[in-house]
Amino acid sequence: MQLPDPIQMQPLVDPIEIMQALARRRAIFHSEADFQHAFAWEIHRSAPDCDIRLEVPVRAASSAIHLDLLARSRVGQMAIELKYKTRALTAALNGEDFNLMSHAAQDLGRYDFFKDLSRIEAFAQAGPERIGYAIFLTNDSAYWKAPSAIGHGYAGFAMNDGRDIAGNLCWGERASEGTRRGRQEEITIRGCYRLRWLPYSSLAVKSYGEFRYLCIPATAA
């Protein structure tokens, strides 16, 4: 499968560098909102001339879409969708206590991530000075591992390392009605992406101390 050409517009900041800088300051987050706020602040530290907005509606090709984060400068706009899905973990770091909940429902987490990617594509394709990224941070290895068997209902939305993503993604026949509820629609991915999980942090805890992330740049085809 052919991978996309490099995005013509250069990002206002490099999201990978932001994640690397963030990992040195924050190995773990209390919640998705905590992660989003810390990411936005790290962008501000790296590019103080950028205007940053959280939870903002923007105009895409045919409708308004809501974005987790929008950074704007004189040279363009960069949108980022951020997901943070965790397994239960208790840790104390630098005098701060963390008690992460277990989100489970990985099939829904997978669907929602690709919905984010589709939304970011719509943003990037609505103008020549736009670029977007979908980022997913987790300590749940079920996301970066391949499905344990063929025919899982969520197989169309698998996020395992090395998988190529393109075209229409949909549920398999084994997906229950409860799983599909509110998420029945196929998701169309216009670009072509290879999923590469990157290391984020590793905590000295009994289990689920390893965090990895995906950072997918949306193509502006």
N, C-alpha and C. Protein backbone atom coordinates (compact mmCIF):
# COMPACT_ATOMS: atom_id res chain seq x y z
N MET A 1 0.84 -1.19 0.00
CA MET A 1 0.00 0.00 0.00
C MET A 1 0.88 1.25 0.00
N GLN A 2 0.56 2.16 -0.89
CA GLN A 2 1.37 3.37 -1.02
C GLN A 2 1.05 4.35 0.10
N LEU A 3 2.09 4.87 0.72
CA LEU A 3 1.91 5.85 1.78
C LEU A 3 1.83 7.24 1.19
N PRO A 4 1.20 8.18 1.92
CA PRO A 4 1.01 9.51 1.36
C PRO A 4 2.32 10.27 1.21
N ASP A 5 2.33 11.19 0.26
CA ASP A 5 3.48 12.08 0.12
C ASP A 5 3.54 12.98 1.33
N PRO A 6 4.71 13.54 1.63
CA PRO A 6 4.81 14.45 2.77
C PRO A 6 3.85 15.63 2.62
N ILE A 7 3.28 16.09 3.72
CA ILE A 7 2.38 17.23 3.70
C ILE A 7 3.15 18.46 3.26
N GLN A 8 2.59 19.20 2.33
CA GLN A 8 3.30 20.35 1.78
C GLN A 8 3.48 21.44 2.83
N MET A 9 2.41 21.73 3.56
CA MET A 9 2.52 22.77 4.58
C MET A 9 3.29 22.26 5.78
N GLN A 10 4.28 23.00 6.23
CA GLN A 10 5.03 22.62 7.42
C GLN A 10 4.21 22.93 8.67
N PRO A 11 4.20 22.02 9.66
CA PRO A 11 3.44 22.29 10.87
C PRO A 11 3.99 23.50 11.62
N LEU A 12 3.11 24.17 12.33
CA LEU A 12 3.53 25.33 13.12
C LEU A 12 4.50 24.88 14.21
N VAL A 13 4.25 23.72 14.76
CA VAL A 13 5.18 23.05 15.66
C VAL A 13 5.17 21.57 15.29
N ASP A 14 6.19 20.85 15.68
CA ASP A 14 6.25 19.42 15.40
C ASP A 14 5.57 18.68 16.55
N PRO A 15 4.43 18.01 16.32
CA PRO A 15 3.73 17.33 17.41
C PRO A 15 4.58 16.24 18.08
N ILE A 16 5.46 15.59 17.32
CA ILE A 16 6.33 14.58 17.93
C ILE A 16 7.27 15.24 18.93
N GLU A 17 7.83 16.38 18.55
CA GLU A 17 8.71 17.11 19.47
C GLU A 17 7.94 17.61 20.69
N ILE A 18 6.68 17.99 20.48
CA ILE A 18 5.85 18.42 21.60
C ILE A 18 5.64 17.24 22.56
N MET A 19 5.35 16.07 22.02
CA MET A 19 5.14 14.90 22.87
C MET A 19 6.42 14.51 23.61
N GLN A 20 7.56 14.62 22.94
CA GLN A 20 8.83 14.30 23.58
C GLN A 20 9.12 15.28 24.72
N ALA A 21 8.88 16.57 24.47
CA ALA A 21 9.10 17.57 25.51
C ALA A 21 8.11 17.37 26.66
N LEU A 22 6.89 17.02 26.32
CA LEU A 22 5.86 16.80 27.34
C LEU A 22 6.21 15.61 28.22
N ALA A 23 6.76 14.56 27.60
CA ALA A 23 7.12 13.35 28.36
C ALA A 23 8.19 13.64 29.41
N ARG A 24 9.04 14.61 29.13
CA ARG A 24 10.07 14.97 30.11
C ARG A 24 9.48 15.71 31.31
N ARG A 25 8.33 16.32 31.12
CA ARG A 25 7.69 17.08 32.19
C ARG A 25 6.55 16.30 32.85
N ARG A 26 5.81 15.56 32.03
CA ARG A 26 4.61 14.90 32.51
C ARG A 26 4.59 13.47 31.98
N ALA A 27 4.99 12.52 32.79
CA ALA A 27 5.00 11.12 32.36
C ALA A 27 3.60 10.53 32.32
N ILE A 28 2.65 11.19 32.98
CA ILE A 28 1.31 10.65 33.14
C ILE A 28 0.34 11.82 33.35
N PHE A 29 -0.93 11.60 32.99
CA PHE A 29 -1.94 12.64 33.13
C PHE A 29 -3.13 12.09 33.91
N HIS A 30 -3.82 12.99 34.58
CA HIS A 30 -4.99 12.57 35.36
C HIS A 30 -6.16 12.19 34.47
N SER A 31 -6.29 12.87 33.35
CA SER A 31 -7.47 12.69 32.50
C SER A 31 -7.15 13.18 31.09
N GLU A 32 -8.10 12.96 30.19
CA GLU A 32 -7.93 13.45 28.82
C GLU A 32 -7.88 14.98 28.80
N ALA A 33 -8.70 15.62 29.63
CA ALA A 33 -8.68 17.08 29.69
C ALA A 33 -7.33 17.59 30.20
N ASP A 34 -6.76 16.89 31.17
CA ASP A 34 -5.43 17.25 31.69
C ASP A 34 -4.38 17.13 30.58
N PHE A 35 -4.45 16.05 29.81
CA PHE A 35 -3.54 15.85 28.68
C PHE A 35 -3.69 16.96 27.64
N GLN A 36 -4.92 17.30 27.29
CA GLN A 36 -5.16 18.33 26.29
C GLN A 36 -4.62 19.69 26.75
N HIS A 37 -4.86 20.01 28.00
CA HIS A 37 -4.38 21.29 28.52
C HIS A 37 -2.85 21.34 28.53
N ALA A 38 -2.21 20.24 28.98
CA ALA A 38 -0.75 20.20 29.03
C ALA A 38 -0.15 20.28 27.62
N PHE A 39 -0.79 19.63 26.65
CA PHE A 39 -0.31 19.68 25.27
C PHE A 39 -0.40 21.11 24.74
N ALA A 40 -1.52 21.77 24.99
CA ALA A 40 -1.69 23.15 24.53
C ALA A 40 -0.64 24.06 25.17
N TRP A 41 -0.37 23.86 26.45
CA TRP A 41 0.62 24.70 27.12
C TRP A 41 2.01 24.47 26.56
N GLU A 42 2.33 23.22 26.19
CA GLU A 42 3.64 22.92 25.62
C GLU A 42 3.78 23.58 24.25
N ILE A 43 2.70 23.64 23.48
CA ILE A 43 2.75 24.38 22.21
C ILE A 43 3.03 25.85 22.48
N HIS A 44 2.38 26.41 23.49
CA HIS A 44 2.60 27.81 23.84
C HIS A 44 4.06 28.06 24.22
N ARG A 45 4.66 27.13 24.94
CA ARG A 45 6.06 27.27 25.32
C ARG A 45 6.97 27.23 24.09
N SER A 46 6.64 26.37 23.12
CA SER A 46 7.49 26.20 21.94
C SER A 46 7.25 27.28 20.89
N ALA A 47 6.01 27.74 20.80
CA ALA A 47 5.67 28.73 19.76
C ALA A 47 4.76 29.78 20.38
N PRO A 48 5.31 30.69 21.17
CA PRO A 48 4.49 31.67 21.89
C PRO A 48 3.70 32.61 20.99
N ASP A 49 4.05 32.71 19.72
CA ASP A 49 3.33 33.59 18.81
C ASP A 49 2.02 32.96 18.30
N CYS A 50 1.84 31.67 18.56
CA CYS A 50 0.62 30.99 18.12
C CYS A 50 -0.56 31.34 19.01
N ASP A 51 -1.71 31.54 18.40
CA ASP A 51 -2.96 31.61 19.15
C ASP A 51 -3.48 30.19 19.30
N ILE A 52 -3.86 29.82 20.51
CA ILE A 52 -4.30 28.45 20.77
C ILE A 52 -5.71 28.48 21.33
N ARG A 53 -6.56 27.61 20.78
CA ARG A 53 -7.93 27.49 21.25
C ARG A 53 -8.22 26.02 21.55
N LEU A 54 -9.00 25.79 22.61
CA LEU A 54 -9.44 24.44 22.97
C LEU A 54 -10.94 24.31 22.74
N GLU A 55 -11.36 23.12 22.29
CA GLU A 55 -12.79 22.84 22.08
C GLU A 55 -13.44 23.94 21.23
N VAL A 56 -12.98 24.02 19.99
CA VAL A 56 -13.40 25.11 19.13
C VAL A 56 -14.12 24.58 17.88
N PRO A 57 -15.23 25.21 17.45
CA PRO A 57 -15.87 24.84 16.18
C PRO A 57 -15.20 25.57 15.02
N VAL A 58 -14.98 24.86 13.92
CA VAL A 58 -14.41 25.48 12.72
C VAL A 58 -15.20 25.01 11.51
N ARG A 59 -15.10 25.76 10.44
CA ARG A 59 -15.80 25.43 9.21
C ARG A 59 -14.96 24.49 8.36
N ALA A 60 -15.55 23.35 7.97
CA ALA A 60 -14.90 22.42 7.05
C ALA A 60 -15.59 22.54 5.69
N ALA A 61 -15.45 21.54 4.84
CA ALA A 61 -15.96 21.64 3.48
C ALA A 61 -17.47 21.87 3.43
N SER A 62 -18.24 21.09 4.21
CA SER A 62 -19.69 21.19 4.10
C SER A 62 -20.40 21.49 5.42
N SER A 63 -19.66 21.48 6.53
CA SER A 63 -20.31 21.70 7.82
C SER A 63 -19.27 22.14 8.84
N ALA A 64 -19.75 22.53 10.01
CA ALA A 64 -18.84 22.88 11.10
C ALA A 64 -18.42 21.61 11.83
N ILE A 65 -17.18 21.56 12.26
CA ILE A 65 -16.68 20.45 13.06
C ILE A 65 -16.06 21.03 14.33
N HIS A 66 -16.06 20.23 15.38
CA HIS A 66 -15.47 20.65 16.64
C HIS A 66 -14.10 19.99 16.82
N LEU A 67 -13.13 20.78 17.22
CA LEU A 67 -11.75 20.31 17.38
C LEU A 67 -11.32 20.42 18.83
N ASP A 68 -10.48 19.48 19.25
CA ASP A 68 -9.92 19.56 20.60
C ASP A 68 -9.01 20.77 20.74
N LEU A 69 -8.19 21.01 19.71
CA LEU A 69 -7.18 22.06 19.80
C LEU A 69 -6.94 22.66 18.42
N LEU A 70 -6.87 23.98 18.37
CA LEU A 70 -6.56 24.69 17.13
C LEU A 70 -5.48 25.71 17.42
N ALA A 71 -4.36 25.63 16.69
CA ALA A 71 -3.27 26.60 16.80
C ALA A 71 -3.22 27.40 15.51
N ARG A 72 -3.15 28.74 15.65
CA ARG A 72 -3.15 29.62 14.48
C ARG A 72 -1.97 30.57 14.53
N SER A 73 -1.40 30.83 13.35
CA SER A 73 -0.34 31.82 13.23
C SER A 73 -0.48 32.51 11.89
N ARG A 74 0.44 33.40 11.55
CA ARG A 74 0.39 34.11 10.28
C ARG A 74 0.54 33.19 9.09
N VAL A 75 1.14 32.02 9.28
CA VAL A 75 1.41 31.14 8.15
C VAL A 75 0.38 30.04 7.97
N GLY A 76 -0.53 29.87 8.91
CA GLY A 76 -1.53 28.84 8.74
C GLY A 76 -2.17 28.39 10.04
N GLN A 77 -2.91 27.29 9.94
CA GLN A 77 -3.64 26.74 11.08
C GLN A 77 -3.32 25.25 11.24
N MET A 78 -3.22 24.82 12.47
CA MET A 78 -2.96 23.41 12.77
C MET A 78 -3.99 22.93 13.78
N ALA A 79 -4.70 21.85 13.42
CA ALA A 79 -5.70 21.27 14.30
C ALA A 79 -5.19 19.94 14.85
N ILE A 80 -5.53 19.66 16.10
CA ILE A 80 -5.09 18.41 16.72
C ILE A 80 -6.24 17.83 17.53
N GLU A 81 -6.51 16.56 17.31
CA GLU A 81 -7.45 15.80 18.12
C GLU A 81 -6.63 14.91 19.05
N LEU A 82 -6.96 14.89 20.34
CA LEU A 82 -6.18 14.17 21.35
C LEU A 82 -7.07 13.18 22.11
N LYS A 83 -6.63 11.95 22.17
CA LYS A 83 -7.31 10.92 22.94
C LYS A 83 -6.36 10.38 24.00
N TYR A 84 -6.93 10.05 25.17
CA TYR A 84 -6.16 9.50 26.29
C TYR A 84 -6.99 8.39 26.91
N LYS A 85 -6.65 7.14 26.61
CA LYS A 85 -7.39 5.98 27.10
C LYS A 85 -6.47 5.18 28.02
N THR A 86 -6.97 4.85 29.20
CA THR A 86 -6.09 4.25 30.21
C THR A 86 -6.65 2.96 30.79
N ARG A 87 -5.74 2.17 31.33
CA ARG A 87 -6.07 1.08 32.25
C ARG A 87 -5.80 1.58 33.66
N ALA A 88 -6.46 0.94 34.63
CA ALA A 88 -6.34 1.39 36.01
C ALA A 88 -4.89 1.36 36.47
N LEU A 89 -4.47 2.45 37.10
CA LEU A 89 -3.08 2.60 37.54
C LEU A 89 -3.06 3.59 38.70
N THR A 90 -2.28 3.25 39.72
CA THR A 90 -2.07 4.16 40.85
C THR A 90 -0.58 4.42 40.98
N ALA A 91 -0.20 5.70 41.03
CA ALA A 91 1.21 6.06 41.10
C ALA A 91 1.35 7.41 41.79
N ALA A 92 2.53 7.64 42.34
CA ALA A 92 2.88 8.93 42.93
C ALA A 92 4.16 9.42 42.27
N LEU A 93 4.09 10.61 41.66
CA LEU A 93 5.24 11.18 40.96
C LEU A 93 5.44 12.61 41.43
N ASN A 94 6.64 12.91 41.89
CA ASN A 94 6.98 14.27 42.30
C ASN A 94 5.96 14.86 43.26
N GLY A 95 5.54 14.04 44.21
CA GLY A 95 4.60 14.50 45.22
C GLY A 95 3.16 14.61 44.77
N GLU A 96 2.86 14.10 43.57
CA GLU A 96 1.51 14.18 43.02
C GLU A 96 0.95 12.78 42.87
N ASP A 97 -0.27 12.55 43.36
CA ASP A 97 -0.90 11.24 43.30
C ASP A 97 -1.75 11.11 42.04
N PHE A 98 -1.62 9.97 41.39
CA PHE A 98 -2.40 9.68 40.19
C PHE A 98 -3.19 8.40 40.41
N ASN A 99 -4.47 8.45 40.12
CA ASN A 99 -5.33 7.28 40.20
C ASN A 99 -6.14 7.20 38.90
N LEU A 100 -5.57 6.50 37.94
CA LEU A 100 -6.22 6.42 36.63
C LEU A 100 -7.32 5.38 36.63
N MET A 101 -8.40 5.71 35.98
CA MET A 101 -9.50 4.76 35.84
C MET A 101 -9.26 3.85 34.65
N SER A 102 -9.99 2.75 34.62
CA SER A 102 -9.90 1.83 33.49
C SER A 102 -11.04 2.14 32.53
N HIS A 103 -10.70 2.58 31.34
CA HIS A 103 -11.73 2.93 30.37
C HIS A 103 -12.35 1.70 29.71
N ALA A 104 -11.54 0.64 29.53
CA ALA A 104 -12.02 -0.56 28.84
C ALA A 104 -12.66 -0.15 27.50
N ALA A 105 -13.66 -0.91 27.04
CA ALA A 105 -14.39 -0.60 25.79
C ALA A 105 -13.43 -0.17 24.69
N GLN A 106 -12.37 -0.96 24.48
CA GLN A 106 -11.37 -0.59 23.49
C GLN A 106 -11.95 -0.49 22.08
N ASP A 107 -12.98 -1.29 21.79
CA ASP A 107 -13.57 -1.22 20.45
C ASP A 107 -14.17 0.16 20.18
N LEU A 108 -14.76 0.76 21.21
CA LEU A 108 -15.30 2.11 21.05
C LEU A 108 -14.18 3.14 20.96
N GLY A 109 -13.11 2.93 21.74
CA GLY A 109 -11.96 3.83 21.67
C GLY A 109 -11.33 3.83 20.29
N ARG A 110 -11.27 2.67 19.67
CA ARG A 110 -10.71 2.58 18.32
C ARG A 110 -11.58 3.34 17.32
N TYR A 111 -12.87 3.09 17.38
CA TYR A 111 -13.80 3.77 16.48
C TYR A 111 -13.67 5.29 16.62
N ASP A 112 -13.66 5.75 17.84
CA ASP A 112 -13.63 7.20 18.09
C ASP A 112 -12.33 7.83 17.61
N PHE A 113 -11.22 7.07 17.68
CA PHE A 113 -9.96 7.61 17.19
C PHE A 113 -10.00 7.81 15.68
N PHE A 114 -10.53 6.83 14.96
CA PHE A 114 -10.59 6.98 13.51
C PHE A 114 -11.62 8.03 13.10
N LYS A 115 -12.65 8.22 13.93
CA LYS A 115 -13.56 9.32 13.69
C LYS A 115 -12.82 10.65 13.83
N ASP A 116 -11.94 10.74 14.82
CA ASP A 116 -11.09 11.92 14.98
C ASP A 116 -10.25 12.15 13.73
N LEU A 117 -9.62 11.08 13.23
CA LEU A 117 -8.76 11.20 12.05
C LEU A 117 -9.55 11.69 10.85
N SER A 118 -10.75 11.16 10.67
CA SER A 118 -11.60 11.60 9.57
C SER A 118 -11.95 13.08 9.71
N ARG A 119 -12.21 13.51 10.93
CA ARG A 119 -12.53 14.92 11.19
C ARG A 119 -11.32 15.81 10.89
N ILE A 120 -10.14 15.36 11.27
CA ILE A 120 -8.93 16.12 11.00
C ILE A 120 -8.66 16.21 9.50
N GLU A 121 -8.93 15.14 8.77
CA GLU A 121 -8.79 15.18 7.32
C GLU A 121 -9.71 16.24 6.71
N ALA A 122 -10.96 16.27 7.20
CA ALA A 122 -11.91 17.25 6.68
C ALA A 122 -11.41 18.67 6.92
N PHE A 123 -10.81 18.90 8.08
CA PHE A 123 -10.25 20.21 8.38
C PHE A 123 -9.10 20.52 7.42
N ALA A 124 -8.15 19.59 7.27
CA ALA A 124 -6.96 19.84 6.46
C ALA A 124 -7.31 20.07 5.00
N GLN A 125 -8.34 19.41 4.52
CA GLN A 125 -8.70 19.50 3.11
C GLN A 125 -9.58 20.71 2.79
N ALA A 126 -9.96 21.47 3.82
CA ALA A 126 -10.83 22.63 3.60
C ALA A 126 -10.07 23.90 3.28
N GLY A 127 -8.74 23.84 3.25
CA GLY A 127 -7.98 25.04 2.93
C GLY A 127 -6.51 24.73 2.71
N PRO A 128 -5.81 25.54 1.92
CA PRO A 128 -4.40 25.25 1.60
C PRO A 128 -3.44 25.51 2.74
N GLU A 129 -3.84 26.26 3.73
CA GLU A 129 -2.93 26.59 4.83
C GLU A 129 -3.37 25.91 6.12
N ARG A 130 -3.82 24.68 5.97
CA ARG A 130 -4.29 23.91 7.12
C ARG A 130 -3.55 22.58 7.19
N ILE A 131 -3.33 22.13 8.41
CA ILE A 131 -2.70 20.85 8.64
C ILE A 131 -3.31 20.27 9.92
N GLY A 132 -3.36 18.95 10.03
CA GLY A 132 -3.99 18.37 11.21
C GLY A 132 -3.32 17.08 11.65
N TYR A 133 -3.48 16.76 12.93
CA TYR A 133 -2.92 15.54 13.50
C TYR A 133 -3.92 14.91 14.46
N ALA A 134 -3.96 13.59 14.46
CA ALA A 134 -4.73 12.83 15.43
C ALA A 134 -3.73 12.10 16.33
N ILE A 135 -3.84 12.32 17.63
CA ILE A 135 -2.90 11.75 18.60
C ILE A 135 -3.67 10.90 19.61
N PHE A 136 -3.13 9.73 19.89
CA PHE A 136 -3.77 8.78 20.82
C PHE A 136 -2.70 8.29 21.79
N LEU A 137 -2.89 8.59 23.07
CA LEU A 137 -1.95 8.19 24.12
C LEU A 137 -2.62 7.18 25.04
N THR A 138 -1.92 6.09 25.39
CA THR A 138 -2.53 5.06 26.21
C THR A 138 -1.48 4.21 26.92
N ASN A 139 -1.90 3.59 28.02
CA ASN A 139 -1.09 2.56 28.67
C ASN A 139 -1.76 1.20 28.53
N ASP A 140 -2.70 1.10 27.62
CA ASP A 140 -3.44 -0.14 27.36
C ASP A 140 -2.85 -0.82 26.12
N SER A 141 -2.10 -1.88 26.33
CA SER A 141 -1.40 -2.55 25.22
C SER A 141 -2.36 -3.18 24.23
N ALA A 142 -3.63 -3.35 24.59
CA ALA A 142 -4.60 -3.92 23.65
C ALA A 142 -4.71 -3.07 22.40
N TYR A 143 -4.44 -1.79 22.51
CA TYR A 143 -4.55 -0.92 21.35
C TYR A 143 -3.41 -1.14 20.37
N TRP A 144 -2.17 -1.31 20.85
CA TRP A 144 -1.05 -1.41 19.90
C TRP A 144 -0.74 -2.85 19.49
N LYS A 145 -1.41 -3.83 20.12
CA LYS A 145 -1.21 -5.23 19.73
C LYS A 145 -2.23 -5.62 18.68
N ALA A 146 -1.85 -6.59 17.84
CA ALA A 146 -2.77 -7.08 16.81
C ALA A 146 -3.89 -7.88 17.45
N PRO A 147 -5.07 -7.93 16.82
CA PRO A 147 -6.16 -8.75 17.35
C PRO A 147 -5.70 -10.19 17.56
N SER A 148 -6.18 -10.79 18.65
CA SER A 148 -5.73 -12.14 19.01
C SER A 148 -6.30 -13.21 18.10
N ALA A 149 -7.36 -12.91 17.38
CA ALA A 149 -7.98 -13.89 16.49
C ALA A 149 -8.60 -13.17 15.30
N ILE A 150 -8.82 -13.92 14.24
CA ILE A 150 -9.45 -13.36 13.04
C ILE A 150 -10.96 -13.26 13.25
N GLY A 151 -11.56 -12.22 12.75
CA GLY A 151 -13.00 -12.12 12.77
C GLY A 151 -13.59 -11.34 13.92
N HIS A 152 -12.76 -10.66 14.69
CA HIS A 152 -13.30 -9.81 15.74
C HIS A 152 -14.21 -8.75 15.13
N GLY A 153 -15.25 -8.37 15.87
CA GLY A 153 -16.17 -7.37 15.37
C GLY A 153 -15.51 -6.03 15.14
N TYR A 154 -14.45 -5.76 15.89
CA TYR A 154 -13.76 -4.46 15.76
C TYR A 154 -12.60 -4.51 14.78
N ALA A 155 -12.38 -5.62 14.09
CA ALA A 155 -11.18 -5.79 13.26
C ALA A 155 -11.00 -4.64 12.27
N GLY A 156 -12.09 -4.10 11.74
CA GLY A 156 -11.99 -3.00 10.79
C GLY A 156 -11.40 -1.75 11.41
N PHE A 157 -11.46 -1.65 12.74
CA PHE A 157 -10.95 -0.48 13.44
C PHE A 157 -9.71 -0.81 14.27
N ALA A 158 -9.06 -1.93 14.00
CA ALA A 158 -7.86 -2.30 14.74
C ALA A 158 -6.79 -1.23 14.57
N MET A 159 -6.04 -0.99 15.66
CA MET A 159 -5.03 0.08 15.68
C MET A 159 -3.64 -0.49 15.91
N ASN A 160 -3.42 -1.76 15.64
CA ASN A 160 -2.15 -2.38 15.96
C ASN A 160 -0.99 -1.80 15.17
N ASP A 161 0.18 -1.84 15.77
CA ASP A 161 1.39 -1.29 15.17
C ASP A 161 1.64 -1.91 13.80
N GLY A 162 1.94 -1.07 12.83
CA GLY A 162 2.27 -1.54 11.48
C GLY A 162 1.09 -1.66 10.55
N ARG A 163 -0.13 -1.48 11.04
CA ARG A 163 -1.29 -1.63 10.17
C ARG A 163 -1.41 -0.44 9.22
N ASP A 164 -1.81 -0.71 7.98
CA ASP A 164 -2.08 0.34 7.00
C ASP A 164 -3.58 0.66 7.03
N ILE A 165 -3.90 1.94 7.06
CA ILE A 165 -5.28 2.40 7.16
C ILE A 165 -5.64 3.23 5.93
N ALA A 166 -6.77 2.90 5.30
CA ALA A 166 -7.27 3.69 4.17
C ALA A 166 -8.69 3.22 3.85
N GLY A 167 -9.45 4.07 3.20
CA GLY A 167 -10.76 3.68 2.71
C GLY A 167 -11.84 3.66 3.77
N ASN A 168 -12.85 2.80 3.56
CA ASN A 168 -13.99 2.73 4.45
C ASN A 168 -13.75 1.72 5.56
N LEU A 169 -13.93 2.16 6.79
CA LEU A 169 -13.78 1.29 7.96
C LEU A 169 -15.16 1.01 8.53
N CYS A 170 -15.43 -0.26 8.83
CA CYS A 170 -16.76 -0.61 9.34
C CYS A 170 -16.66 -1.77 10.32
N TRP A 171 -17.73 -1.98 11.07
CA TRP A 171 -17.79 -3.07 12.03
C TRP A 171 -17.92 -4.41 11.32
N GLY A 172 -17.40 -5.45 11.95
CA GLY A 172 -17.58 -6.80 11.47
C GLY A 172 -18.91 -7.38 11.92
N GLU A 173 -19.26 -8.53 11.40
CA GLU A 173 -20.55 -9.14 11.71
C GLU A 173 -20.69 -9.47 13.20
N ARG A 174 -19.58 -9.71 13.88
CA ARG A 174 -19.65 -10.10 15.28
C ARG A 174 -19.81 -8.91 16.24
N ALA A 175 -19.76 -7.73 15.74
CA ALA A 175 -19.95 -6.57 16.60
C ALA A 175 -21.39 -6.52 17.09
N SER A 176 -21.59 -6.39 18.38
CA SER A 176 -22.94 -6.42 18.96
C SER A 176 -23.69 -5.12 18.67
N GLU A 177 -25.01 -5.18 18.84
CA GLU A 177 -25.82 -3.99 18.65
C GLU A 177 -25.45 -2.93 19.68
N GLY A 178 -25.14 -3.37 20.90
CA GLY A 178 -24.75 -2.43 21.93
C GLY A 178 -23.48 -1.68 21.57
N THR A 179 -22.53 -2.40 20.95
CA THR A 179 -21.28 -1.76 20.51
C THR A 179 -21.54 -0.75 19.40
N ARG A 180 -22.41 -1.11 18.48
CA ARG A 180 -22.67 -0.24 17.32
C ARG A 180 -23.52 0.98 17.67
N ARG A 181 -24.25 0.92 18.78
CA ARG A 181 -25.21 1.98 19.10
C ARG A 181 -24.52 3.35 19.15
N GLY A 182 -25.01 4.26 18.35
CA GLY A 182 -24.42 5.59 18.28
C GLY A 182 -23.18 5.67 17.42
N ARG A 183 -22.73 4.52 16.92
CA ARG A 183 -21.51 4.47 16.10
C ARG A 183 -21.73 3.54 14.90
N GLN A 184 -22.92 3.56 14.34
CA GLN A 184 -23.24 2.64 13.25
C GLN A 184 -22.57 3.00 11.94
N GLU A 185 -22.30 4.27 11.72
CA GLU A 185 -21.82 4.72 10.41
C GLU A 185 -20.40 4.24 10.10
N GLU A 186 -20.18 3.91 8.84
CA GLU A 186 -18.82 3.67 8.38
C GLU A 186 -18.01 4.95 8.51
N ILE A 187 -16.71 4.80 8.66
CA ILE A 187 -15.81 5.95 8.69
C ILE A 187 -14.94 5.89 7.44
N THR A 188 -14.95 6.97 6.69
CA THR A 188 -14.14 7.03 5.48
C THR A 188 -12.84 7.77 5.76
N ILE A 189 -11.73 7.09 5.51
CA ILE A 189 -10.40 7.67 5.64
C ILE A 189 -9.90 7.96 4.23
N ARG A 190 -9.70 9.22 3.93
CA ARG A 190 -9.36 9.62 2.56
C ARG A 190 -7.89 9.38 2.21
N GLY A 191 -7.02 9.52 3.19
CA GLY A 191 -5.60 9.30 2.95
C GLY A 191 -5.23 7.84 3.19
N CYS A 192 -3.95 7.60 3.25
CA CYS A 192 -3.42 6.26 3.51
C CYS A 192 -2.32 6.39 4.55
N TYR A 193 -2.44 5.65 5.66
CA TYR A 193 -1.56 5.84 6.80
C TYR A 193 -1.06 4.50 7.33
N ARG A 194 0.18 4.48 7.74
CA ARG A 194 0.73 3.30 8.44
C ARG A 194 0.86 3.66 9.91
N LEU A 195 0.26 2.86 10.76
CA LEU A 195 0.25 3.15 12.20
C LEU A 195 1.58 2.76 12.83
N ARG A 196 2.21 3.72 13.47
CA ARG A 196 3.48 3.49 14.17
C ARG A 196 3.36 4.00 15.60
N TRP A 197 3.40 3.08 16.54
CA TRP A 197 3.32 3.45 17.94
C TRP A 197 4.70 3.86 18.45
N LEU A 198 4.75 4.98 19.14
CA LEU A 198 5.99 5.52 19.66
C LEU A 198 5.99 5.48 21.18
N PRO A 199 7.17 5.29 21.80
CA PRO A 199 7.23 5.26 23.26
C PRO A 199 6.99 6.64 23.84
N TYR A 200 6.25 6.69 24.95
CA TYR A 200 6.03 7.96 25.64
C TYR A 200 6.71 7.96 27.01
N SER A 201 6.32 7.06 27.89
CA SER A 201 6.92 7.00 29.21
C SER A 201 6.79 5.59 29.78
N SER A 202 7.55 5.33 30.82
CA SER A 202 7.49 4.02 31.49
C SER A 202 7.58 4.24 32.99
N LEU A 203 6.57 3.80 33.73
CA LEU A 203 6.52 4.00 35.17
C LEU A 203 6.86 2.70 35.90
N ALA A 204 7.49 2.85 37.04
CA ALA A 204 7.87 1.69 37.86
C ALA A 204 6.68 1.26 38.71
N VAL A 205 5.70 0.65 38.05
CA VAL A 205 4.52 0.14 38.74
C VAL A 205 4.33 -1.32 38.35
N LYS A 206 3.42 -1.99 39.06
CA LYS A 206 3.25 -3.44 38.87
C LYS A 206 2.75 -3.77 37.48
N SER A 207 1.82 -3.01 36.96
CA SER A 207 1.26 -3.30 35.64
C SER A 207 0.75 -2.02 34.99
N TYR A 208 0.71 -2.04 33.67
CA TYR A 208 0.22 -0.93 32.86
C TYR A 208 1.01 0.36 33.06
N GLY A 209 2.32 0.21 33.28
CA GLY A 209 3.16 1.39 33.46
C GLY A 209 3.77 1.91 32.18
N GLU A 210 3.58 1.20 31.07
CA GLU A 210 4.15 1.63 29.79
C GLU A 210 3.12 2.43 29.00
N PHE A 211 3.51 3.62 28.59
CA PHE A 211 2.65 4.47 27.77
C PHE A 211 3.25 4.60 26.37
N ARG A 212 2.40 4.46 25.37
CA ARG A 212 2.78 4.67 23.98
C ARG A 212 1.75 5.57 23.32
N TYR A 213 2.13 6.10 22.14
CA TYR A 213 1.18 6.97 21.45
C TYR A 213 1.30 6.85 19.93
N LEU A 214 0.19 7.17 19.27
CA LEU A 214 0.15 7.35 17.82
C LEU A 214 0.06 8.83 17.52
N CYS A 215 0.72 9.25 16.46
CA CYS A 215 0.59 10.62 15.98
C CYS A 215 0.45 10.55 14.46
N ILE A 216 -0.77 10.74 13.97
CA ILE A 216 -1.07 10.56 12.56
C ILE A 216 -1.29 11.92 11.89
N PRO A 217 -0.47 12.27 10.90
CA PRO A 217 -0.69 13.53 10.17
C PRO A 217 -1.72 13.33 9.07
N ALA A 218 -2.75 14.16 9.05
CA ALA A 218 -3.79 14.06 8.04
C ALA A 218 -3.30 14.63 6.72
N THR A 219 -3.49 13.90 5.65
CA THR A 219 -3.10 14.38 4.33
C THR A 219 -4.12 15.38 3.81
N ALA A 220 -3.66 16.30 3.04
CA ALA A 220 -4.54 17.32 2.44
C ALA A 220 -4.67 17.04 0.94
N ALA A 221 -5.29 15.90 0.61
CA ALA A 221 -5.38 15.49 -0.80
C ALA A 221 -6.32 16.39 -1.58
